[in-house]
Protein backbone atom coordinates (compact mmCIF):
# COMPACT_ATOMS: atom_id res chain seq x y z
CA MET A 1 168.81 120.88 -90.50
CA PRO A 2 168.49 118.07 -87.87
CA ASP A 3 169.60 118.73 -84.32
CA ALA A 4 172.93 116.96 -83.89
CA GLU A 5 174.39 116.08 -80.53
CA PRO A 6 177.55 118.09 -79.92
CA GLU A 7 180.86 116.29 -80.18
CA LEU A 8 184.37 117.39 -79.37
CA GLU A 9 187.31 115.62 -80.93
CA THR A 10 191.05 116.08 -80.62
CA PRO A 11 193.82 113.80 -81.92
CA ARG A 12 193.71 111.86 -78.62
CA LEU A 13 190.15 112.21 -77.33
CA LYS A 14 186.56 112.14 -78.55
CA LEU A 15 183.73 113.34 -76.33
CA ARG A 16 180.19 112.45 -77.37
CA GLN A 17 176.83 111.53 -75.92
CA PHE A 18 176.29 108.00 -74.69
CA CYS A 19 174.61 105.65 -77.14
CA GLU A 20 173.03 102.21 -76.91
CA ALA A 21 176.27 100.56 -78.06
CA ASP A 22 177.93 101.82 -74.85
CA LEU A 23 175.64 99.77 -72.59
CA ASP A 24 177.85 96.68 -72.12
CA ALA A 25 180.89 98.67 -71.04
CA TRP A 26 178.82 101.09 -68.94
CA ALA A 27 177.01 98.23 -67.18
CA ARG A 28 180.37 96.62 -66.29
CA ILE A 29 181.69 99.91 -64.91
CA THR A 30 178.59 100.82 -62.91
CA SER A 31 178.09 97.32 -61.49
CA ASP A 32 181.48 97.44 -59.74
CA ALA A 33 180.98 98.66 -56.16
CA GLU A 34 184.64 99.68 -55.88
CA VAL A 35 184.36 101.92 -58.96
CA MET A 36 181.09 103.41 -57.76
CA ARG A 37 182.70 104.15 -54.41
CA TYR A 38 184.77 106.80 -56.18
CA VAL A 39 182.19 107.85 -58.77
CA GLY A 40 179.44 108.23 -56.20
CA GLY A 41 176.33 106.22 -55.62
CA ASN A 42 175.65 102.52 -55.37
CA ALA A 43 176.46 99.78 -57.85
CA LEU A 44 173.80 99.49 -60.57
CA ASP A 45 172.23 96.45 -62.15
CA ARG A 46 172.10 96.34 -65.95
CA ASP A 47 168.59 97.81 -66.17
CA ASP A 48 169.53 100.78 -63.96
CA ALA A 49 172.75 101.25 -65.93
CA TRP A 50 170.65 101.42 -69.12
CA ARG A 51 168.35 104.02 -67.60
CA SER A 52 171.33 106.06 -66.36
CA LEU A 53 172.62 106.47 -69.94
CA GLY A 54 169.81 108.91 -70.69
CA VAL A 55 170.53 112.59 -70.25
CA GLN A 56 166.96 113.89 -70.49
CA PRO A 57 164.64 113.88 -67.45
CA GLU A 58 162.36 111.39 -69.21
CA ALA A 59 165.25 108.87 -69.31
CA ALA A 60 163.69 107.07 -66.35
CA ASP A 61 160.86 106.12 -68.72
CA LEU A 62 163.19 104.42 -71.22
CA PRO A 63 162.39 100.78 -71.90
CA VAL A 64 164.61 98.21 -70.26
CA ALA A 65 167.36 96.98 -72.58
CA GLU A 66 167.11 93.44 -73.92
CA HIS A 67 169.92 91.22 -72.65
């Protein structure tokens, strides 16, 4: 049986791991200094946003997304 990422779903909400398809929205969110003021940290460029999607320690070694 393959290891599946855990998901939690209710009628109004679905929680799941980030995936590559989330990059555009995540890059817009994390590039906004006003948003990051409340989230914590500095605004990220697209490459750093891509790297931040990883949840494993080796995520820093992920290749830079093509854009």
